[in-house]
Amino acid sequence: YNLENNDNIVFDRFFLSEIAYSKFLNRECYIKDHEVEMLIDKCKKQEAVFIFIIAKNQEQLDIVKNRLKDEDKQYFDKIEKMNKQYKKLSKLLEEKGLEVIIKDVE
């Protein structure tokens, strides 16, 4: 997609996940810093609300584990580290003036 145009854009979770997962996986983010800023600005203009679902206790972690595909179960022990990345991301978004809601796993 072209970030320069003025069209309304619907984002999937890629841009948020890429920011969190690149830090989690210790690799360069596929989205450049200026592109992240452009995406955040577009979200602010659209008054976007971000909802993160984070496992906060063992019961919620068990729910997540049961939902994982077999090929993803290898990452289960890293969920708490991933949760921390999403919490940091939520703080960044809030600092930029965006609304963030953190919900428990159901």
N, C-alpha and C. Protein backbone atom coordinates (compact mmCIF):
# COMPACT_ATOMS: atom_id res chain seq x y z
N TYR A 1 0.83 -1.19 0.00
CA TYR A 1 0.00 0.00 0.00
C TYR A 1 0.87 1.24 0.00
N ASN A 2 0.30 2.34 -0.40
CA ASN A 2 1.03 3.59 -0.50
C ASN A 2 0.68 4.45 0.71
N LEU A 3 1.66 4.67 1.57
CA LEU A 3 1.42 5.45 2.78
C LEU A 3 1.29 6.93 2.50
N GLU A 4 1.69 7.36 1.32
CA GLU A 4 1.67 8.77 0.99
C GLU A 4 0.28 9.28 0.59
N ASN A 5 -0.60 8.39 0.19
CA ASN A 5 -1.91 8.87 -0.28
C ASN A 5 -2.80 9.25 0.91
N ASN A 6 -3.90 9.89 0.60
CA ASN A 6 -4.81 10.35 1.65
C ASN A 6 -6.04 9.46 1.80
N ASP A 7 -6.02 8.31 1.16
CA ASP A 7 -7.15 7.40 1.27
C ASP A 7 -7.24 6.83 2.68
N ASN A 8 -8.45 6.48 3.06
CA ASN A 8 -8.61 5.76 4.31
C ASN A 8 -7.97 4.39 4.13
N ILE A 9 -7.23 3.98 5.11
CA ILE A 9 -6.55 2.69 5.05
C ILE A 9 -7.01 1.84 6.22
N VAL A 10 -7.27 0.60 5.94
CA VAL A 10 -7.58 -0.35 7.00
C VAL A 10 -6.31 -1.16 7.23
N PHE A 11 -5.82 -1.15 8.45
CA PHE A 11 -4.61 -1.89 8.78
C PHE A 11 -5.00 -3.23 9.38
N ASP A 12 -4.29 -4.26 9.00
CA ASP A 12 -4.43 -5.48 9.77
C ASP A 12 -3.41 -5.38 10.90
N ARG A 13 -3.25 -6.40 11.65
CA ARG A 13 -2.36 -6.31 12.80
C ARG A 13 -0.90 -6.38 12.43
N PHE A 14 -0.58 -6.49 11.14
CA PHE A 14 0.81 -6.65 10.73
C PHE A 14 1.70 -5.55 11.28
N PHE A 15 1.27 -4.31 11.15
CA PHE A 15 2.18 -3.24 11.53
C PHE A 15 2.46 -3.25 13.02
N LEU A 16 1.48 -3.59 13.84
CA LEU A 16 1.72 -3.70 15.28
C LEU A 16 2.55 -4.93 15.61
N SER A 17 2.19 -6.05 15.00
CA SER A 17 2.92 -7.28 15.28
C SER A 17 4.37 -7.17 14.82
N GLU A 18 4.59 -6.56 13.69
CA GLU A 18 5.95 -6.42 13.18
C GLU A 18 6.81 -5.62 14.14
N ILE A 19 6.26 -4.57 14.71
CA ILE A 19 7.01 -3.76 15.67
C ILE A 19 7.38 -4.60 16.89
N ALA A 20 6.41 -5.33 17.42
CA ALA A 20 6.65 -6.14 18.62
C ALA A 20 7.54 -7.35 18.32
N TYR A 21 7.22 -8.09 17.26
CA TYR A 21 7.96 -9.32 16.98
C TYR A 21 9.40 -9.06 16.55
N SER A 22 9.65 -7.97 15.85
CA SER A 22 11.03 -7.70 15.45
C SER A 22 11.91 -7.49 16.68
N LYS A 23 11.39 -6.82 17.70
CA LYS A 23 12.15 -6.66 18.94
C LYS A 23 12.28 -8.00 19.66
N PHE A 24 11.21 -8.75 19.68
CA PHE A 24 11.18 -10.05 20.34
C PHE A 24 12.17 -11.02 19.68
N LEU A 25 12.26 -10.97 18.36
CA LEU A 25 13.14 -11.88 17.60
C LEU A 25 14.53 -11.29 17.36
N ASN A 26 14.77 -10.10 17.91
CA ASN A 26 16.07 -9.42 17.78
C ASN A 26 16.50 -9.28 16.33
N ARG A 27 15.59 -8.75 15.52
CA ARG A 27 15.92 -8.51 14.11
C ARG A 27 15.40 -7.13 13.73
N GLU A 28 15.87 -6.66 12.60
CA GLU A 28 15.43 -5.35 12.12
C GLU A 28 13.96 -5.40 11.75
N CYS A 29 13.26 -4.35 12.09
CA CYS A 29 11.83 -4.24 11.77
C CYS A 29 11.67 -4.02 10.27
N TYR A 30 10.72 -4.73 9.66
CA TYR A 30 10.47 -4.58 8.22
C TYR A 30 9.84 -3.23 7.89
N ILE A 31 9.29 -2.58 8.90
CA ILE A 31 8.67 -1.26 8.71
C ILE A 31 9.65 -0.22 9.24
N LYS A 32 10.00 0.73 8.42
CA LYS A 32 10.96 1.77 8.81
C LYS A 32 10.32 2.73 9.81
N ASP A 33 11.16 3.38 10.61
CA ASP A 33 10.68 4.29 11.65
C ASP A 33 9.75 5.37 11.09
N HIS A 34 10.11 5.96 9.95
CA HIS A 34 9.26 7.01 9.39
C HIS A 34 7.91 6.44 8.94
N GLU A 35 7.90 5.18 8.50
CA GLU A 35 6.63 4.54 8.12
C GLU A 35 5.76 4.29 9.35
N VAL A 36 6.38 3.88 10.45
CA VAL A 36 5.64 3.68 11.70
C VAL A 36 5.01 5.00 12.12
N GLU A 37 5.77 6.08 12.05
CA GLU A 37 5.24 7.40 12.41
C GLU A 37 4.07 7.79 11.51
N MET A 38 4.19 7.50 10.20
CA MET A 38 3.09 7.80 9.28
C MET A 38 1.85 6.98 9.62
N LEU A 39 2.05 5.71 9.93
CA LEU A 39 0.93 4.84 10.30
C LEU A 39 0.26 5.34 11.58
N ILE A 40 1.07 5.71 12.56
CA ILE A 40 0.52 6.23 13.82
C ILE A 40 -0.26 7.51 13.56
N ASP A 41 0.28 8.41 12.73
CA ASP A 41 -0.42 9.66 12.41
C ASP A 41 -1.77 9.37 11.75
N LYS A 42 -1.79 8.43 10.79
CA LYS A 42 -3.05 8.08 10.13
C LYS A 42 -4.04 7.51 11.14
N CYS A 43 -3.55 6.70 12.05
CA CYS A 43 -4.43 6.13 13.07
C CYS A 43 -5.00 7.22 13.98
N LYS A 44 -4.17 8.19 14.33
CA LYS A 44 -4.64 9.31 15.16
C LYS A 44 -5.74 10.08 14.44
N LYS A 45 -5.53 10.35 13.16
CA LYS A 45 -6.52 11.10 12.38
C LYS A 45 -7.84 10.34 12.29
N GLN A 46 -7.77 9.02 12.25
CA GLN A 46 -8.97 8.19 12.17
C GLN A 46 -9.54 7.86 13.55
N GLU A 47 -8.88 8.38 14.60
CA GLU A 47 -9.29 8.13 15.98
C GLU A 47 -9.37 6.63 16.26
N ALA A 48 -8.34 5.92 15.79
CA ALA A 48 -8.29 4.47 15.98
C ALA A 48 -8.14 4.12 17.45
N VAL A 49 -8.72 3.01 17.80
CA VAL A 49 -8.58 2.45 19.15
C VAL A 49 -7.90 1.10 18.98
N PHE A 50 -6.85 0.88 19.76
CA PHE A 50 -6.11 -0.37 19.70
C PHE A 50 -6.51 -1.25 20.87
N ILE A 51 -6.75 -2.50 20.60
CA ILE A 51 -7.11 -3.46 21.64
C ILE A 51 -6.08 -4.57 21.62
N PHE A 52 -5.39 -4.73 22.75
CA PHE A 52 -4.42 -5.81 22.90
C PHE A 52 -5.00 -6.82 23.87
N ILE A 53 -4.91 -8.07 23.53
CA ILE A 53 -5.36 -9.15 24.40
C ILE A 53 -4.11 -9.84 24.93
N ILE A 54 -3.94 -9.79 26.25
CA ILE A 54 -2.72 -10.27 26.89
C ILE A 54 -3.06 -11.27 27.99
N ALA A 55 -2.36 -12.40 27.98
CA ALA A 55 -2.53 -13.41 29.04
C ALA A 55 -1.85 -12.91 30.31
N LYS A 56 -2.63 -12.80 31.39
CA LYS A 56 -2.08 -12.21 32.61
C LYS A 56 -1.87 -13.21 33.74
N ASN A 57 -2.36 -14.43 33.59
CA ASN A 57 -2.19 -15.42 34.66
C ASN A 57 -2.12 -16.81 34.06
N GLN A 58 -1.87 -17.81 34.90
CA GLN A 58 -1.67 -19.17 34.40
C GLN A 58 -2.91 -19.71 33.69
N GLU A 59 -4.08 -19.41 34.21
CA GLU A 59 -5.31 -19.87 33.56
C GLU A 59 -5.41 -19.33 32.13
N GLN A 60 -5.11 -18.04 31.96
CA GLN A 60 -5.15 -17.43 30.64
C GLN A 60 -4.04 -17.98 29.74
N LEU A 61 -2.87 -18.25 30.32
CA LEU A 61 -1.79 -18.86 29.55
C LEU A 61 -2.19 -20.24 29.05
N ASP A 62 -2.89 -20.99 29.89
CA ASP A 62 -3.35 -22.32 29.49
C ASP A 62 -4.34 -22.24 28.33
N ILE A 63 -5.20 -21.23 28.35
CA ILE A 63 -6.16 -21.03 27.25
C ILE A 63 -5.39 -20.78 25.96
N VAL A 64 -4.39 -19.91 26.03
CA VAL A 64 -3.59 -19.60 24.85
C VAL A 64 -2.88 -20.87 24.35
N LYS A 65 -2.28 -21.61 25.26
CA LYS A 65 -1.55 -22.82 24.87
C LYS A 65 -2.46 -23.80 24.14
N ASN A 66 -3.67 -23.95 24.62
CA ASN A 66 -4.62 -24.88 24.01
C ASN A 66 -5.06 -24.43 22.62
N ARG A 67 -4.97 -23.14 22.35
CA ARG A 67 -5.38 -22.61 21.05
C ARG A 67 -4.27 -22.64 20.01
N LEU A 68 -3.03 -22.84 20.45
CA LEU A 68 -1.90 -22.80 19.53
C LEU A 68 -1.91 -23.99 18.58
N LYS A 69 -1.51 -23.72 17.35
CA LYS A 69 -1.29 -24.80 16.40
C LYS A 69 -0.02 -25.53 16.83
N ASP A 70 0.09 -26.78 16.45
CA ASP A 70 1.26 -27.58 16.84
C ASP A 70 2.57 -26.89 16.49
N GLU A 71 2.64 -26.31 15.30
CA GLU A 71 3.90 -25.68 14.86
C GLU A 71 4.24 -24.42 15.65
N ASP A 72 3.26 -23.86 16.37
CA ASP A 72 3.50 -22.65 17.16
C ASP A 72 3.75 -22.94 18.64
N LYS A 73 3.54 -24.16 19.07
CA LYS A 73 3.71 -24.50 20.49
C LYS A 73 5.14 -24.28 20.97
N GLN A 74 6.11 -24.30 20.06
CA GLN A 74 7.50 -24.06 20.45
C GLN A 74 7.71 -22.67 21.03
N TYR A 75 6.80 -21.75 20.73
CA TYR A 75 6.93 -20.37 21.22
C TYR A 75 6.20 -20.13 22.54
N PHE A 76 5.53 -21.14 23.05
CA PHE A 76 4.69 -20.93 24.23
C PHE A 76 5.47 -20.37 25.40
N ASP A 77 6.67 -20.88 25.63
CA ASP A 77 7.44 -20.43 26.80
C ASP A 77 7.90 -18.97 26.67
N LYS A 78 7.68 -18.37 25.51
CA LYS A 78 8.07 -16.98 25.29
C LYS A 78 6.89 -16.01 25.33
N ILE A 79 5.72 -16.50 25.68
CA ILE A 79 4.53 -15.65 25.68
C ILE A 79 4.67 -14.48 26.64
N GLU A 80 5.21 -14.72 27.82
CA GLU A 80 5.35 -13.63 28.78
C GLU A 80 6.27 -12.53 28.23
N LYS A 81 7.35 -12.93 27.56
CA LYS A 81 8.25 -11.95 26.95
C LYS A 81 7.51 -11.18 25.86
N MET A 82 6.70 -11.89 25.09
CA MET A 82 5.92 -11.23 24.03
C MET A 82 4.90 -10.27 24.64
N ASN A 83 4.26 -10.68 25.73
CA ASN A 83 3.32 -9.79 26.41
C ASN A 83 4.00 -8.48 26.81
N LYS A 84 5.24 -8.57 27.28
CA LYS A 84 5.98 -7.37 27.67
C LYS A 84 6.20 -6.46 26.46
N GLN A 85 6.48 -7.04 25.30
CA GLN A 85 6.66 -6.23 24.10
C GLN A 85 5.37 -5.50 23.73
N TYR A 86 4.24 -6.19 23.85
CA TYR A 86 2.97 -5.54 23.55
C TYR A 86 2.62 -4.46 24.58
N LYS A 87 2.99 -4.66 25.83
CA LYS A 87 2.76 -3.63 26.85
C LYS A 87 3.61 -2.40 26.53
N LYS A 88 4.86 -2.60 26.11
CA LYS A 88 5.71 -1.47 25.72
C LYS A 88 5.12 -0.75 24.51
N LEU A 89 4.63 -1.53 23.55
CA LEU A 89 4.02 -0.94 22.36
C LEU A 89 2.77 -0.14 22.73
N SER A 90 1.99 -0.65 23.67
CA SER A 90 0.78 0.07 24.07
C SER A 90 1.15 1.40 24.72
N LYS A 91 2.22 1.42 25.52
CA LYS A 91 2.67 2.68 26.13
C LYS A 91 3.13 3.67 25.07
N LEU A 92 3.85 3.17 24.05
CA LEU A 92 4.29 4.03 22.95
C LEU A 92 3.09 4.66 22.26
N LEU A 93 2.09 3.85 21.95
CA LEU A 93 0.89 4.35 21.28
C LEU A 93 0.17 5.37 22.15
N GLU A 94 0.06 5.10 23.44
CA GLU A 94 -0.59 6.05 24.36
C GLU A 94 0.19 7.36 24.42
N GLU A 95 1.52 7.27 24.43
CA GLU A 95 2.35 8.48 24.45
C GLU A 95 2.14 9.31 23.18
N LYS A 96 1.78 8.65 22.10
CA LYS A 96 1.52 9.33 20.82
C LYS A 96 0.08 9.84 20.75
N GLY A 97 -0.69 9.66 21.83
CA GLY A 97 -2.05 10.19 21.88
C GLY A 97 -3.13 9.25 21.39
N LEU A 98 -2.81 7.98 21.25
CA LEU A 98 -3.79 6.99 20.79
C LEU A 98 -4.41 6.26 21.97
N GLU A 99 -5.63 5.82 21.77
CA GLU A 99 -6.31 5.06 22.82
C GLU A 99 -5.96 3.58 22.71
N VAL A 100 -5.56 2.99 23.84
CA VAL A 100 -5.22 1.58 23.89
C VAL A 100 -6.01 0.91 25.01
N ILE A 101 -6.62 -0.20 24.68
CA ILE A 101 -7.34 -1.00 25.67
C ILE A 101 -6.62 -2.34 25.78
N ILE A 102 -6.31 -2.74 27.00
CA ILE A 102 -5.71 -4.05 27.21
C ILE A 102 -6.77 -4.94 27.86
N LYS A 103 -7.04 -6.06 27.18
CA LYS A 103 -8.05 -7.00 27.67
C LYS A 103 -7.39 -8.32 28.05
N ASP A 104 -8.05 -9.04 28.93
CA ASP A 104 -7.60 -10.37 29.31
C ASP A 104 -8.00 -11.39 28.26
N VAL A 105 -7.23 -12.45 28.17
CA VAL A 105 -7.60 -13.58 27.31
C VAL A 105 -8.88 -14.18 27.86
N GLU A 106 -9.82 -14.49 26.97
CA GLU A 106 -11.08 -15.12 27.40
C GLU A 106 -11.20 -16.49 26.79
